[in-house]
Protein backbone atom coordinates (compact mmCIF):
# COMPACT_ATOMS: atom_id res chain seq x y z
CA MET A 1 0.00 0.00 0.00
CA ALA A 2 2.87 2.39 0.60
CA GLN A 3 3.93 2.13 -3.03
CA PRO A 4 1.07 4.24 -4.54
CA ALA A 5 1.53 6.89 -1.85
CA MET A 6 5.25 7.05 -2.60
CA GLU A 7 4.61 7.39 -6.33
CA GLU A 8 2.06 10.15 -5.65
CA SER A 9 4.60 11.94 -3.47
CA LYS A 10 7.27 11.75 -6.21
CA LYS A 11 4.75 13.01 -8.77
CA LEU A 12 3.86 15.94 -6.53
CA GLN A 13 7.54 16.70 -5.97
CA GLY A 14 8.14 16.53 -9.72
CA GLU A 15 5.25 18.87 -10.40
CA THR A 16 6.54 21.27 -7.73
CA VAL A 17 10.04 21.27 -9.19
CA THR A 18 8.62 21.87 -12.68
CA LYS A 19 6.49 24.78 -11.45
CA LEU A 20 9.45 26.27 -9.57
CA ARG A 21 11.61 26.03 -12.70
CA ILE A 22 8.99 27.93 -14.68
CA LEU A 23 8.69 30.60 -11.98
CA SER A 24 12.47 30.93 -11.72
CA HIS A 25 12.74 31.37 -15.49
CA ASP A 26 10.05 34.06 -15.44
CA LEU A 27 11.75 35.75 -12.51
CA SER A 28 15.03 35.78 -14.47
CA ASN A 29 13.28 37.63 -17.27
CA TYR A 30 11.89 40.25 -14.89
CA ILE A 31 15.25 40.72 -13.17
CA GLU A 32 16.97 41.11 -16.55
CA THR A 33 14.50 43.85 -17.50
CA ILE A 34 15.23 45.71 -14.26
CA MET A 35 18.98 45.34 -14.77
CA GLN A 36 18.76 46.64 -18.33
CA ALA A 37 16.65 49.61 -17.25
CA SER A 38 19.12 50.31 -14.45
CA TYR A 39 22.00 50.24 -16.92
CA LEU A 40 20.20 52.63 -19.27
CA LEU A 41 19.34 55.00 -16.42
CA ALA A 42 23.00 55.00 -15.38
CA GLN A 43 23.83 56.50 -18.79
CA ALA A 44 21.71 59.56 -17.99
CA LYS A 45 22.83 62.59 -16.03
CA LEU A 46 21.34 62.10 -12.60
CA ASP A 47 21.62 64.19 -9.47
CA GLU A 48 23.20 62.59 -6.40
CA ASN A 49 19.87 61.63 -4.81
CA ASN A 50 18.70 59.82 -7.95
CA LYS A 51 22.11 58.13 -8.31
CA ARG A 52 21.67 56.71 -4.81
CA TRP A 53 18.23 55.35 -5.77
CA LEU A 54 19.71 53.86 -8.93
CA ASP A 55 22.51 52.23 -6.92
CA LEU A 56 19.89 50.74 -4.59
CA ILE A 57 17.93 49.33 -7.54
CA ASP A 58 21.10 47.99 -9.17
CA LYS A 59 22.32 46.28 -5.98
CA ALA A 60 18.90 44.77 -5.26
CA SER A 61 18.56 43.42 -8.81
CA GLN A 62 22.03 41.87 -8.64
CA ASP A 63 21.19 40.28 -5.28
CA ALA A 64 17.89 38.97 -6.69
CA ALA A 65 19.72 37.50 -9.69
CA ARG A 66 22.21 35.78 -7.36
CA VAL A 67 19.43 34.28 -5.24
CA ASN A 68 17.59 33.13 -8.36
CA ARG A 69 20.77 31.45 -9.65
CA GLU A 70 21.06 29.62 -6.33
CA ILE A 71 17.44 28.47 -6.60
CA ARG A 72 18.07 27.23 -10.13
CA GLU A 73 21.13 25.29 -8.95
CA ILE A 74 19.02 23.58 -6.29
CA LEU A 75 16.37 22.76 -8.87
CA ARG A 76 18.98 21.32 -11.26
CA SER A 77 20.08 18.93 -8.51
CA GLN A 78 16.51 17.57 -8.34
CA ASN A 79 16.82 15.60 -11.61
C-alpha cells in the first residue's frame, strides 16, 4: 500500500520542481529587464539623490539574480 503513496509523493515533488523552474525562469526575465533599465538610467545625467536610488535598484537586482541562480542550482540537482 505504501507504493502508490510514494509514487504520488514523487509526482507531486516533480510537479513542484517543474512549477518552480517555470517561476524561476520568469523571474530571471523580470530581473533582466530591471537590470537593463538600471544600466540605461545609469547612462543619464542624474543628481546625487537619484544616483543613490539607482545604486539601490542595481544592488537589489544583482542580489535577486544571485538568489535566483542559487534556486536554479538547487532545482537542477533535483533531476
